[in-house]
N, C-alpha and C. Protein backbone atom coordinates (compact mmCIF):
# COMPACT_ATOMS: atom_id res chain seq x y z
N MET A 1 0.93 -1.29 -0.03
CA MET A 1 0.13 -0.18 -0.12
C MET A 1 0.67 1.29 0.01
N LYS A 2 0.64 2.18 -1.00
CA LYS A 2 1.57 3.50 -1.07
C LYS A 2 1.20 4.19 -0.05
N LYS A 3 2.35 4.91 0.58
CA LYS A 3 2.08 6.08 1.64
C LYS A 3 1.42 6.98 1.01
N ILE A 4 0.81 8.01 1.91
CA ILE A 4 0.13 9.51 1.14
C ILE A 4 1.23 10.20 1.68
N ASP A 5 1.82 10.93 0.36
CA ASP A 5 2.65 12.16 0.59
C ASP A 5 2.15 13.20 1.37
N THR A 6 2.09 13.47 2.80
CA THR A 6 1.46 14.66 3.25
C THR A 6 1.82 15.96 2.88
N SER A 7 3.43 15.79 2.55
CA SER A 7 4.12 17.15 2.11
C SER A 7 3.49 17.86 0.84
N LYS A 8 3.09 16.95 0.04
CA LYS A 8 2.59 17.50 -1.69
C LYS A 8 1.15 17.99 -0.99
N ILE A 9 0.60 17.17 -0.10
CA ILE A 9 -0.88 17.95 0.04
C ILE A 9 -0.76 19.11 0.83
N THR A 10 0.10 19.22 1.78
CA THR A 10 0.03 20.40 2.43
C THR A 10 0.53 21.31 1.33
N ASN A 11 1.56 21.39 0.39
CA ASN A 11 1.85 22.24 -0.35
C ASN A 11 0.52 22.77 -1.21
N LEU A 12 -0.08 21.57 -1.43
CA LEU A 12 -1.37 21.97 -2.68
C LEU A 12 -2.33 23.08 -2.10
N LEU A 13 -2.23 22.80 -0.90
CA LEU A 13 -3.08 23.49 0.03
C LEU A 13 -2.78 25.10 0.35
N PHE A 14 -1.38 24.94 0.44
CA PHE A 14 -1.19 26.46 0.36
C PHE A 14 -1.11 27.14 -0.83
N GLU A 15 -0.76 26.29 -1.62
CA GLU A 15 -0.68 27.15 -3.24
C GLU A 15 -2.09 27.71 -3.27
N THR A 16 -3.38 26.45 -2.85
CA THR A 16 -4.32 27.08 -3.29
C THR A 16 -5.16 28.21 -2.55
N ALA A 17 -4.66 28.16 -1.01
CA ALA A 17 -4.90 29.39 -0.21
C ALA A 17 -4.41 30.83 -0.95
N ASP A 18 -3.21 30.47 -1.38
CA ASP A 18 -2.14 31.79 -1.62
C ASP A 18 -2.98 32.39 -2.90
N LYS A 19 -3.51 31.32 -4.36
CA LYS A 19 -3.98 31.81 -5.18
C LYS A 19 -5.46 32.34 -4.64
N ILE A 20 -6.21 32.00 -3.79
CA ILE A 20 -7.28 32.34 -3.43
C ILE A 20 -7.25 33.64 -2.81
N GLY A 21 -5.94 33.81 -1.77
CA GLY A 21 -5.66 35.18 -1.40
C GLY A 21 -5.56 36.20 -2.41
N LYS A 22 -5.17 35.85 -3.62
CA LYS A 22 -4.59 36.44 -4.59
C LYS A 22 -5.91 37.27 -5.68
N LEU A 23 -7.07 36.71 -5.17
CA LEU A 23 -8.39 36.72 -5.98
C LEU A 23 -8.91 38.05 -5.56
N THR A 24 -9.64 38.79 -6.43
CA THR A 24 -10.33 39.78 -5.92
C THR A 24 -11.61 39.64 -5.09
N LYS A 25 -11.95 40.33 -4.49
CA LYS A 25 -13.24 40.53 -3.77
C LYS A 25 -14.45 39.85 -4.38
N LEU A 26 -14.74 40.03 -5.58
CA LEU A 26 -15.73 39.62 -6.03
C LEU A 26 -15.71 38.28 -6.25
N TYR A 27 -14.57 37.91 -6.81
CA TYR A 27 -13.99 36.36 -7.39
C TYR A 27 -14.50 35.48 -6.02
N LYS A 28 -14.02 36.28 -4.71
CA LYS A 28 -13.92 35.54 -3.44
C LYS A 28 -15.32 35.31 -3.29
N ILE A 29 -16.19 36.40 -3.07
CA ILE A 29 -17.75 36.13 -2.82
C ILE A 29 -18.05 34.88 -3.81
N LEU A 30 -18.23 34.95 -5.03
CA LEU A 30 -18.59 34.27 -5.95
C LEU A 30 -18.04 32.73 -5.59
N LEU A 31 -16.91 32.56 -5.27
CA LEU A 31 -16.36 31.06 -4.72
C LEU A 31 -16.98 30.82 -3.34
N CYS A 32 -17.21 31.59 -2.65
CA CYS A 32 -17.87 31.14 -1.26
C CYS A 32 -19.15 30.81 -1.46
N LEU A 33 -19.81 31.39 -2.58
CA LEU A 33 -21.03 31.25 -3.14
C LEU A 33 -21.44 29.86 -3.47
N GLY A 34 -20.47 29.55 -4.43
CA GLY A 34 -20.39 28.27 -4.99
C GLY A 34 -20.01 26.80 -4.06
N LEU A 35 -19.27 27.34 -3.05
CA LEU A 35 -18.73 26.45 -2.06
C LEU A 35 -20.29 25.97 -1.29
N PHE A 36 -20.93 27.04 -1.01
CA PHE A 36 -22.02 27.27 -0.09
C PHE A 36 -23.22 25.94 -1.05
N VAL A 37 -23.23 26.58 -2.25
CA VAL A 37 -24.15 25.66 -3.12
C VAL A 37 -23.88 24.18 -3.04
N LEU A 38 -22.55 23.96 -3.26
CA LEU A 38 -22.09 22.61 -3.55
C LEU A 38 -22.28 21.87 -2.26
N LEU A 39 -22.26 22.41 -1.05
CA LEU A 39 -22.26 21.81 0.25
C LEU A 39 -23.77 21.74 0.70
N VAL A 40 -24.59 23.02 0.25
CA VAL A 40 -25.95 23.04 0.84
C VAL A 40 -26.93 22.27 -0.26
N GLY A 41 -26.62 22.41 -1.38
CA GLY A 41 -27.57 21.88 -2.68
C GLY A 41 -28.11 20.64 -2.16
N PRO A 42 -27.20 19.58 -1.99
CA PRO A 42 -27.83 18.11 -1.95
C PRO A 42 -28.77 18.00 -0.92
N PHE A 43 -28.48 18.82 0.38
CA PHE A 43 -29.33 18.62 1.31
C PHE A 43 -30.71 19.22 1.19
N VAL A 44 -30.69 20.41 0.61
CA VAL A 44 -32.11 20.96 0.28
C VAL A 44 -32.59 20.25 -0.87
N TYR A 45 -31.96 19.60 -1.67
CA TYR A 45 -32.58 18.92 -2.85
C TYR A 45 -33.17 17.61 -2.25
N PHE A 46 -32.49 17.07 -1.39
CA PHE A 46 -32.84 15.62 -1.11
C PHE A 46 -33.53 15.66 0.19
N SER A 47 -33.71 16.39 0.82
CA SER A 47 -34.28 16.55 2.37
C SER A 47 -35.33 17.86 2.31
N PHE A 48 -35.10 18.91 2.13
CA PHE A 48 -35.77 20.20 2.29
C PHE A 48 -37.14 19.90 1.15
N LEU A 49 -36.88 20.02 0.02
CA LEU A 49 -37.77 20.10 -1.06
C LEU A 49 -38.78 19.27 -0.86
N PRO A 50 -38.19 17.83 -0.85
CA PRO A 50 -39.90 16.75 -0.37
C PRO A 50 -40.70 17.22 0.62
N LYS A 51 -40.04 17.94 1.49
CA LYS A 51 -40.84 18.13 2.64
C LYS A 51 -41.70 19.41 2.44
N ILE A 52 -41.31 20.08 1.39
CA ILE A 52 -41.99 21.52 0.86
C ILE A 52 -43.08 21.07 0.39
N THR A 53 -42.60 20.12 -0.74
CA THR A 53 -43.80 19.58 -1.44
C THR A 53 -44.88 18.86 -0.81
N LYS A 54 -44.43 17.83 0.12
CA LYS A 54 -45.45 17.41 1.27
C LYS A 54 -46.50 18.50 1.68
N ILE A 55 -45.72 19.11 2.44
CA ILE A 55 -46.36 20.20 2.80
C ILE A 55 -47.62 20.91 2.15
N SER A 56 -47.20 21.46 0.77
CA SER A 56 -48.16 22.15 -0.01
C SER A 56 -49.32 20.74 -0.34
N GLY A 57 -48.89 19.83 -0.72
CA GLY A 57 -49.78 18.97 -0.68
C GLY A 57 -51.06 18.62 0.25
N LEU A 58 -50.46 18.82 1.81
CA LEU A 58 -51.41 18.62 2.66
C LEU A 58 -52.23 19.91 3.09
N LYS A 59 -51.38 21.11 2.62
CA LYS A 59 -52.32 22.49 2.40
C LYS A 59 -53.52 22.15 1.45
N ASN A 60 -53.28 21.62 0.24
CA ASN A 60 -54.25 21.70 -0.76
C ASN A 60 -55.45 20.56 -0.24
N GLU A 61 -54.94 19.57 0.66
CA GLU A 61 -56.07 18.47 0.98
C GLU A 61 -56.44 19.19 2.13
N HIS A 62 -56.28 20.04 2.74
CA HIS A 62 -56.78 20.55 4.00
C HIS A 62 -57.72 21.61 3.65
N THR A 63 -57.43 22.68 2.56
CA THR A 63 -58.58 23.22 1.74
C THR A 63 -59.73 22.34 1.24
N THR A 64 -59.42 21.45 0.50
CA THR A 64 -60.45 20.55 0.23
C THR A 64 -61.49 20.06 1.08
N LEU A 65 -60.91 19.55 1.96
CA LEU A 65 -61.67 19.03 3.28
C LEU A 65 -62.49 20.09 3.61
N GLU A 66 -61.87 21.47 3.96
CA GLU A 66 -62.74 22.45 4.60
C GLU A 66 -64.02 22.86 3.50
N THR A 67 -63.65 22.83 2.30
CA THR A 67 -64.67 23.07 1.45
C THR A 67 -65.98 21.82 1.41
N ARG A 68 -65.22 20.72 1.61
CA ARG A 68 -66.41 19.69 1.50
C ARG A 68 -67.17 19.82 2.96
N LEU A 69 -66.59 20.40 4.18
CA LEU A 69 -67.35 20.56 5.54
C LEU A 69 -68.22 21.52 5.08
N VAL A 70 -67.75 22.45 4.75
CA VAL A 70 -68.90 23.85 4.69
C VAL A 70 -69.52 23.21 3.85
N THR A 71 -69.84 22.47 2.49
CA THR A 71 -71.14 22.21 2.02
C THR A 71 -71.31 20.98 2.42
N ALA A 72 -71.18 20.12 3.57
CA ALA A 72 -71.60 19.11 4.14
C ALA A 72 -73.08 19.83 5.07
N LYS A 73 -72.22 20.97 5.83
CA LYS A 73 -72.82 21.67 7.00
C LYS A 73 -74.14 22.27 6.42
N ALA A 74 -73.90 23.16 4.88
CA ALA A 74 -75.08 23.92 4.48
C ALA A 74 -76.39 22.64 4.13
N LYS A 75 -75.84 21.43 3.46
CA LYS A 75 -76.70 20.56 3.22
C LYS A 75 -77.68 20.15 4.35
N ALA A 76 -76.71 19.93 5.36
CA ALA A 76 -77.41 19.49 6.72
C ALA A 76 -78.39 20.64 6.93
N ASN A 77 -77.94 21.89 6.91
CA ASN A 77 -78.80 22.66 7.58
C ASN A 77 -80.26 22.99 6.65
N ARG A 78 -80.16 22.54 5.42
CA ARG A 78 -81.21 22.58 4.24
C ARG A 78 -81.74 21.42 4.91
N LEU A 79 -81.23 20.41 4.97
CA LEU A 79 -81.96 18.88 5.48
C LEU A 79 -83.04 19.47 6.65
N LYS A 80 -82.51 19.92 7.47
CA LYS A 80 -83.24 20.18 8.79
C LYS A 80 -84.30 21.47 8.61
N TYR A 81 -83.90 22.14 7.72
CA TYR A 81 -84.81 23.36 7.01
C TYR A 81 -86.34 22.60 6.41
N TYR A 82 -85.93 21.52 5.84
CA TYR A 82 -86.91 20.71 4.98
C TYR A 82 -87.85 19.74 5.86
N GLN A 83 -86.96 18.99 6.52
CA GLN A 83 -87.59 18.20 7.83
C GLN A 83 -88.57 18.87 8.61
N ASP A 84 -88.35 20.20 9.22
CA ASP A 84 -89.15 21.29 9.79
C ASP A 84 -90.44 21.31 9.19
N LYS A 85 -90.14 21.77 7.71
CA LYS A 85 -91.41 22.22 6.87
C LYS A 85 -92.29 20.91 6.88
N LEU A 86 -91.52 19.68 6.46
CA LEU A 86 -92.80 18.65 6.22
C LEU A 86 -93.24 18.37 7.91
N LYS A 87 -92.64 18.72 8.92
CA LYS A 87 -93.55 18.22 10.25
C LYS A 87 -94.82 19.25 10.13
N ASP A 88 -94.40 20.77 9.94
CA ASP A 88 -95.26 21.53 9.92
C ASP A 88 -96.77 21.12 8.81
N ALA A 89 -96.06 20.87 7.80
CA ALA A 89 -97.01 20.15 6.95
C ALA A 89 -97.87 19.01 7.06
N GLU A 90 -97.24 18.05 7.90
CA GLU A 90 -97.87 16.96 8.31
C GLU A 90 -99.10 17.21 9.62
N MET A 91 -98.75 18.39 10.32
CA MET A 91 -99.37 18.87 11.48
C MET A 91 -100.77 19.70 10.67
N GLU A 92 -100.37 20.63 9.90
CA GLU A 92 -101.50 21.08 9.31
C GLU A 92 -102.60 20.18 8.59
N PHE A 93 -102.15 19.30 8.32
CA PHE A 93 -102.70 18.41 7.07
C PHE A 93 -103.55 17.44 8.16
N LYS A 94 -103.22 17.03 9.27
CA LYS A 94 -103.76 16.22 10.67
C LYS A 94 -104.90 17.25 10.78
N ILE A 95 -104.68 18.49 11.11
CA ILE A 95 -105.65 19.69 11.71
C ILE A 95 -106.88 19.76 10.75
N VAL A 96 -106.48 19.80 9.44
CA VAL A 96 -107.53 19.83 8.46
C VAL A 96 -108.36 18.44 8.31
N MET A 97 -107.44 17.38 8.44
CA MET A 97 -108.26 16.42 8.51
C MET A 97 -109.46 15.96 9.10
N LYS A 98 -109.06 16.63 10.64
CA LYS A 98 -109.72 16.52 11.74
C LYS A 98 -111.01 17.51 11.31
N LYS A 99 -111.01 18.43 10.47
CA LYS A 99 -112.35 19.15 10.31
C LYS A 99 -112.96 18.55 9.03
N LEU A 100 -112.58 17.61 8.38
CA LEU A 100 -113.39 16.81 7.30
C LEU A 100 -114.10 16.07 8.04
N PRO A 101 -115.42 16.10 7.93
CA PRO A 101 -116.45 15.06 8.22
C PRO A 101 -116.47 13.64 7.56
N GLU A 102 -116.65 12.40 8.38
CA GLU A 102 -116.90 11.26 7.77
C GLU A 102 -118.28 11.13 7.19
N LYS A 103 -118.53 10.13 6.54
CA LYS A 103 -119.49 9.85 5.68
C LYS A 103 -120.71 9.73 6.55
N LYS A 104 -120.63 9.34 7.61
CA LYS A 104 -121.59 9.08 8.87
C LYS A 104 -122.14 10.68 9.26
N GLU A 105 -121.52 11.57 9.45
CA GLU A 105 -121.46 12.82 9.83
C GLU A 105 -122.41 13.87 8.93
N ILE A 106 -122.17 13.50 7.59
CA ILE A 106 -122.88 14.53 6.64
C ILE A 106 -124.38 14.78 7.04
N PRO A 107 -125.28 13.85 7.12
CA PRO A 107 -126.60 14.24 7.62
C PRO A 107 -126.57 15.03 8.48
N ALA A 108 -126.09 15.04 9.93
CA ALA A 108 -125.87 15.72 11.04
C ALA A 108 -125.01 17.28 10.62
N LEU A 109 -124.21 17.41 9.55
CA LEU A 109 -123.81 18.72 9.24
C LEU A 109 -124.71 19.30 8.52
N LEU A 110 -125.22 18.63 7.56
CA LEU A 110 -126.25 19.59 6.66
C LEU A 110 -127.24 19.86 7.59
N SER A 111 -127.91 19.31 8.63
CA SER A 111 -128.62 19.51 9.40
C SER A 111 -128.09 20.95 10.25
N SER A 112 -127.13 20.93 10.61
CA SER A 112 -126.54 22.21 11.25
C SER A 112 -126.39 23.29 10.54
N ILE A 113 -126.46 23.11 9.16
CA ILE A 113 -126.05 24.29 8.18
C ILE A 113 -127.60 24.92 7.97
N SER A 114 -128.62 23.71 8.24
CA SER A 114 -129.96 24.57 7.82
C SER A 114 -130.61 25.23 8.88
N GLN A 115 -129.90 24.36 10.06
CA GLN A 115 -130.38 25.02 11.08
C GLN A 115 -129.73 26.45 11.62
N SER A 116 -128.17 26.70 11.19
CA SER A 116 -127.75 27.87 11.42
C SER A 116 -128.75 28.99 10.70
N GLY A 117 -129.46 28.50 9.48
CA GLY A 117 -130.11 29.71 8.57
C GLY A 117 -131.25 30.13 9.35
N ARG A 118 -131.89 28.84 9.98
CA ARG A 118 -133.20 29.45 10.93
C ARG A 118 -132.91 30.07 12.06
N ASP A 119 -131.72 29.86 12.71
CA ASP A 119 -131.37 30.60 13.85
C ASP A 119 -130.96 32.14 13.15
N ALA A 120 -130.40 32.10 12.16
CA ALA A 120 -130.07 33.63 11.50
C ALA A 120 -131.44 34.49 11.15
N GLY A 121 -132.85 33.74 11.22
CA GLY A 121 -133.83 34.49 10.90
C GLY A 121 -134.02 34.31 9.40
N LEU A 122 -133.49 33.33 8.59
CA LEU A 122 -133.81 33.09 7.18
C LEU A 122 -134.86 32.18 7.21
N GLU A 123 -135.81 32.16 5.80
CA GLU A 123 -136.66 31.22 5.58
C GLU A 123 -136.06 30.76 4.17
N PHE A 124 -136.08 29.37 4.45
CA PHE A 124 -135.34 28.37 3.40
C PHE A 124 -136.42 28.38 2.09
N LEU A 125 -136.27 28.54 1.11
CA LEU A 125 -136.60 28.24 -0.40
C LEU A 125 -136.05 27.04 -0.79
N LEU A 126 -135.20 26.66 -0.70
CA LEU A 126 -134.16 25.56 -1.32
C LEU A 126 -133.13 25.09 -0.57
N PHE A 127 -133.16 23.90 -0.19
CA PHE A 127 -132.29 23.41 0.55
C PHE A 127 -131.94 22.02 -0.06
N GLN A 128 -130.97 21.73 -1.19
CA GLN A 128 -130.79 20.63 -1.88
C GLN A 128 -129.43 20.17 -1.97
N PRO A 129 -129.10 19.15 -1.03
CA PRO A 129 -127.82 18.39 -1.31
C PRO A 129 -127.85 17.84 -2.73
N GLU A 130 -126.59 18.12 -3.28
CA GLU A 130 -126.28 17.41 -4.95
C GLU A 130 -125.35 16.70 -4.79
N PRO A 131 -125.02 15.68 -5.69
CA PRO A 131 -124.07 14.46 -5.58
C PRO A 131 -122.91 14.98 -5.55
N GLU A 132 -122.02 14.00 -4.78
CA GLU A 132 -120.56 13.87 -4.34
C GLU A 132 -119.72 14.12 -5.58
N GLN A 133 -119.02 14.68 -5.30
CA GLN A 133 -117.48 15.14 -6.62
C GLN A 133 -116.52 14.51 -5.98
N ASN A 134 -115.94 13.68 -6.59
CA ASN A 134 -114.86 12.99 -6.08
C ASN A 134 -113.65 13.51 -6.25
N LYS A 135 -112.49 14.02 -5.44
CA LYS A 135 -111.25 14.53 -5.85
C LYS A 135 -110.19 13.69 -5.87
N ASP A 136 -108.77 14.17 -5.50
CA ASP A 136 -107.85 13.01 -4.97
C ASP A 136 -108.04 12.05 -3.73
N PHE A 137 -108.28 12.85 -2.78
CA PHE A 137 -108.29 11.93 -1.22
C PHE A 137 -109.87 12.51 -0.67
N TYR A 138 -110.28 13.30 -1.10
CA TYR A 138 -111.57 13.70 -0.53
C TYR A 138 -112.86 13.70 -1.57
N ALA A 139 -113.92 14.08 -0.97
CA ALA A 139 -115.00 14.34 -2.06
C ALA A 139 -115.71 15.63 -1.29
N GLU A 140 -116.34 16.32 -2.42
CA GLU A 140 -116.88 17.81 -2.35
C GLU A 140 -118.47 17.44 -2.05
N ILE A 141 -119.30 18.01 -1.27
CA ILE A 141 -120.52 17.67 -1.25
C ILE A 141 -121.28 18.93 -1.04
N PRO A 142 -121.58 19.73 -2.55
CA PRO A 142 -122.24 20.59 -2.68
C PRO A 142 -123.81 20.79 -2.17
N VAL A 143 -124.39 21.88 -1.58
CA VAL A 143 -125.54 21.95 -0.95
C VAL A 143 -125.96 23.26 -1.99
N SER A 144 -127.34 23.40 -2.72
CA SER A 144 -127.84 24.24 -3.38
C SER A 144 -128.54 25.03 -2.37
N ILE A 145 -128.53 26.50 -2.10
CA ILE A 145 -129.31 26.90 -0.97
C ILE A 145 -130.03 28.37 -1.52
N LYS A 146 -131.27 28.44 -1.39
CA LYS A 146 -131.96 29.75 -1.52
C LYS A 146 -132.79 30.04 -0.38
N VAL A 147 -132.63 31.25 0.02
CA VAL A 147 -133.35 31.80 1.47
C VAL A 147 -133.86 33.43 1.04
N THR A 148 -134.60 33.66 2.01
CA THR A 148 -135.28 35.16 1.79
C THR A 148 -134.97 35.76 3.38
N GLY A 149 -134.76 36.64 3.25
CA GLY A 149 -134.27 37.34 4.63
C GLY A 149 -133.62 38.95 4.09
N ASN A 150 -133.01 39.74 5.35
CA ASN A 150 -132.55 41.00 4.94
C ASN A 150 -130.83 40.61 4.85
N TYR A 151 -130.50 41.59 4.60
CA TYR A 151 -128.87 41.66 4.38
C TYR A 151 -128.12 41.03 5.43
N HIS A 152 -128.51 41.65 7.14
CA HIS A 152 -128.38 41.34 8.38
C HIS A 152 -128.43 39.88 8.63
N ASN A 153 -129.42 39.25 8.36
CA ASN A 153 -129.61 37.98 8.54
C ASN A 153 -128.72 36.98 7.68
N VAL A 154 -128.72 37.21 6.26
CA VAL A 154 -127.65 36.58 5.62
C VAL A 154 -126.41 36.74 6.11
N ALA A 155 -125.90 37.91 6.18
CA ALA A 155 -124.43 38.07 7.00
C ALA A 155 -124.41 37.18 8.36
N LEU A 156 -125.32 36.84 8.90
CA LEU A 156 -125.32 36.36 10.16
C LEU A 156 -125.38 35.03 9.87
N PHE A 157 -126.17 34.23 8.89
CA PHE A 157 -126.34 33.19 8.57
C PHE A 157 -124.80 32.68 8.07
N PHE A 158 -124.09 33.35 7.14
CA PHE A 158 -122.66 33.11 6.84
C PHE A 158 -121.85 33.18 7.91
N ASP A 159 -121.96 33.59 8.89
CA ASP A 159 -120.76 33.77 9.90
C ASP A 159 -120.81 32.67 11.14
N LYS A 160 -122.23 32.17 11.35
CA LYS A 160 -122.51 30.79 11.97
C LYS A 160 -122.25 29.74 11.15
N VAL A 161 -122.25 29.53 9.70
CA VAL A 161 -121.68 28.54 9.10
C VAL A 161 -120.23 28.28 8.87
N ALA A 162 -119.46 29.51 9.08
CA ALA A 162 -117.89 29.60 9.22
C ALA A 162 -117.63 28.94 10.60
N ARG A 163 -118.47 29.33 11.62
CA ARG A 163 -118.09 28.82 13.01
C ARG A 163 -118.25 27.39 13.10
N LEU A 164 -118.86 26.72 12.10
CA LEU A 164 -119.09 25.31 12.52
C LEU A 164 -117.85 24.59 12.62
N SER A 165 -117.82 23.46 13.34
CA SER A 165 -116.49 22.55 13.66
C SER A 165 -116.25 22.16 12.38
N ARG A 166 -117.02 21.62 11.06
CA ARG A 166 -116.37 21.19 9.95
C ARG A 166 -116.18 22.22 9.13
N ILE A 167 -115.25 21.83 8.10
CA ILE A 167 -115.32 23.02 6.88
C ILE A 167 -116.77 22.89 6.05
N VAL A 168 -117.10 24.37 5.72
CA VAL A 168 -117.94 24.48 5.05
C VAL A 168 -117.69 25.86 4.24
N ASN A 169 -117.50 25.71 2.94
CA ASN A 169 -117.49 26.98 2.27
C ASN A 169 -118.68 27.27 1.50
N ILE A 170 -118.70 28.66 1.26
CA ILE A 170 -119.92 29.37 0.71
C ILE A 170 -119.56 29.90 -0.67
N ASP A 171 -120.05 29.43 -1.61
CA ASP A 171 -119.55 29.85 -3.34
C ASP A 171 -121.00 30.47 -3.77
N ASP A 172 -120.65 31.31 -5.05
CA ASP A 172 -121.58 31.48 -6.06
C ASP A 172 -122.95 31.94 -5.28
N ILE A 173 -122.33 33.14 -4.40
CA ILE A 173 -123.37 33.83 -3.86
C ILE A 173 -124.12 34.86 -4.70
N LYS A 174 -125.30 34.91 -4.96
CA LYS A 174 -126.20 35.69 -5.57
C LYS A 174 -127.17 36.18 -4.71
N MET A 175 -127.64 37.85 -4.74
CA MET A 175 -128.70 38.32 -4.08
C MET A 175 -129.35 39.28 -4.88
N ALA A 176 -130.81 39.26 -4.56
CA ALA A 176 -131.58 39.97 -5.46
C ALA A 176 -132.66 40.58 -4.61
N SER A 177 -133.05 41.76 -4.76
CA SER A 177 -134.01 42.66 -3.69
C SER A 177 -135.59 42.38 -4.17
N ILE A 178 -136.53 42.14 -3.07
CA ILE A 178 -137.72 41.94 -3.47
C ILE A 178 -138.14 43.27 -3.09
N LYS A 179 -139.17 43.48 -4.32
CA LYS A 179 -139.80 44.91 -4.36
C LYS A 179 -140.64 45.01 -3.28
N GLY A 180 -140.68 46.40 -2.81
CA GLY A 180 -141.54 46.66 -1.56
C GLY A 180 -141.17 46.19 -0.09
N GLY A 181 -139.73 45.86 0.10
CA GLY A 181 -139.46 45.44 1.26
C GLY A 181 -137.78 45.68 1.33
N THR A 182 -137.51 45.43 2.42
CA THR A 182 -135.96 45.19 2.85
C THR A 182 -135.45 43.79 2.66
N ASN A 183 -136.23 42.68 2.28
CA ASN A 183 -135.58 41.43 2.16
C ASN A 183 -134.96 41.35 1.08
N LEU A 184 -134.09 40.34 0.81
CA LEU A 184 -133.36 39.61 -0.18
C LEU A 184 -133.83 38.32 -0.28
N ILE A 185 -133.36 37.87 -1.89
CA ILE A 185 -133.49 36.51 -1.92
C ILE A 185 -132.27 36.43 -2.20
N THR A 186 -131.63 35.06 -1.41
CA THR A 186 -130.05 34.92 -1.95
C THR A 186 -129.86 33.83 -2.01
N SER A 187 -129.18 33.63 -3.23
CA SER A 187 -129.13 31.70 -3.55
C SER A 187 -127.42 31.73 -3.33
N CYS A 188 -127.13 30.63 -2.99
CA CYS A 188 -125.72 30.36 -2.84
C CYS A 188 -125.39 28.76 -2.92
N LYS A 189 -124.25 28.38 -2.69
CA LYS A 189 -123.94 26.75 -2.71
C LYS A 189 -122.86 26.97 -1.58
N ALA A 190 -123.39 26.01 -0.56
CA ALA A 190 -122.55 25.57 0.39
C ALA A 190 -122.06 24.04 0.31
N VAL A 191 -120.53 24.34 0.20
CA VAL A 191 -119.66 22.88 0.12
C VAL A 191 -118.77 22.61 1.10
N THR A 192 -119.32 21.16 1.71
CA THR A 192 -118.54 20.54 2.66
C THR A 192 -117.68 19.33 1.96
N TYR A 193 -116.76 19.08 3.01
CA TYR A 193 -116.07 17.97 2.07
C TYR A 193 -116.02 16.76 3.08
N ARG A 194 -115.49 15.33 2.54
CA ARG A 194 -115.34 13.99 3.00
C ARG A 194 -114.14 13.59 2.73
N PHE A 195 -113.44 13.40 4.08
CA PHE A 195 -112.40 12.55 3.35
C PHE A 195 -112.58 11.17 2.94
N VAL A 196 -112.00 10.69 1.63
CA VAL A 196 -112.10 9.29 1.10
C VAL A 196 -110.67 8.85 1.35
N GLU A 197 -110.92 7.39 1.90
CA GLU A 197 -109.99 6.89 1.99
C GLU A 197 -109.80 5.86 0.70
N THR A 198 -108.50 6.07 -0.05
CA THR A 198 -108.27 5.15 -0.92
C THR A 198 -107.72 3.86 -0.30
N LYS A 199 -108.30 2.86 -1.20
CA LYS A 199 -107.86 1.39 -0.85
C LYS A 199 -107.17 1.08 -1.97
N PRO A 200 -105.87 0.33 -1.49
CA PRO A 200 -104.62 -0.26 -2.19
C PRO A 200 -105.44 -1.18 -3.31
N GLU A 201 -104.84 -1.08 -4.57
CA GLU A 201 -105.40 -2.08 -5.33
C GLU A 201 -104.84 -3.34 -5.15
N LYS A 202 -105.80 -4.55 -5.18
CA LYS A 202 -105.29 -5.74 -4.94
C LYS A 202 -104.73 -6.26 -6.06
N ALA A 203 -103.71 -6.84 -5.69
CA ALA A 203 -102.81 -7.71 -6.97
C ALA A 203 -103.64 -8.95 -7.25
N SER A 204 -103.61 -9.07 -8.53
CA SER A 204 -104.20 -10.64 -9.06
C SER A 204 -103.26 -11.49 -8.65
N SER A 205 -103.73 -12.50 -7.77
CA SER A 205 -102.98 -13.91 -7.74
C SER A 205 -103.31 -15.15 -8.43
N SER A 206 -103.10 -14.68 -9.69
CA SER A 206 -103.41 -16.05 -10.43
C SER A 206 -102.04 -16.92 -10.63
N LYS A 207 -102.56 -18.05 -10.05
CA LYS A 207 -101.12 -19.30 -10.06
C LYS A 207 -101.05 -20.20 -11.37
N LYS A 208 -100.19 -20.33 -12.05
CA LYS A 208 -100.28 -20.97 -13.10
C LYS A 208 -99.79 -22.26 -12.57
N LYS A 209 -100.57 -23.43 -13.18
CA LYS A 209 -100.17 -24.72 -12.92
C LYS A 209 -99.50 -25.01 -14.05
N LYS A 210 -98.25 -26.22 -13.36
CA LYS A 210 -97.14 -26.88 -14.54
C LYS A 210 -98.05 -28.26 -15.24
């Protein structure tokens, strides 16, 4: 094994230092920068840059997750809003359904309407229930009415009908004065409603014999 000539290495270092010492200030600065880049560059490239890339990726992922979280919260709030609206609608539907008379209650309701007219001081010329008109989940039961009485009596009759526990609407109101008096001939149509329970269609269960 050859021995290393330390004297030659020492001389080379002195010569290099002497040459560096003779360089101008600008060249010395450039040389220092070159050495710094040569020494620090590999550390930055292999250790620091990958970490920066990873941090940047994590920031982008964090931003994406925050956006998704905001969107999810907004959807959750909208869902809660529609759930509350649905509950309110169901409550209103139940209240309305309680005001729809059943079929067995219709005669008593019609009697209440005519009694309201007599209590208001009206004289009935016509009180004629008409055929039911089926709708989606209810049926309309119109009643043609014609009465005589003054305007106050008619208004009192309408008010009494509006105060009934079941829903009764007054439509097609027509009034005609009677000559020589304050009474009016009033014709109208009282419409009440009945809930119709739709029965599910029975599936045909025909079995084929082999």
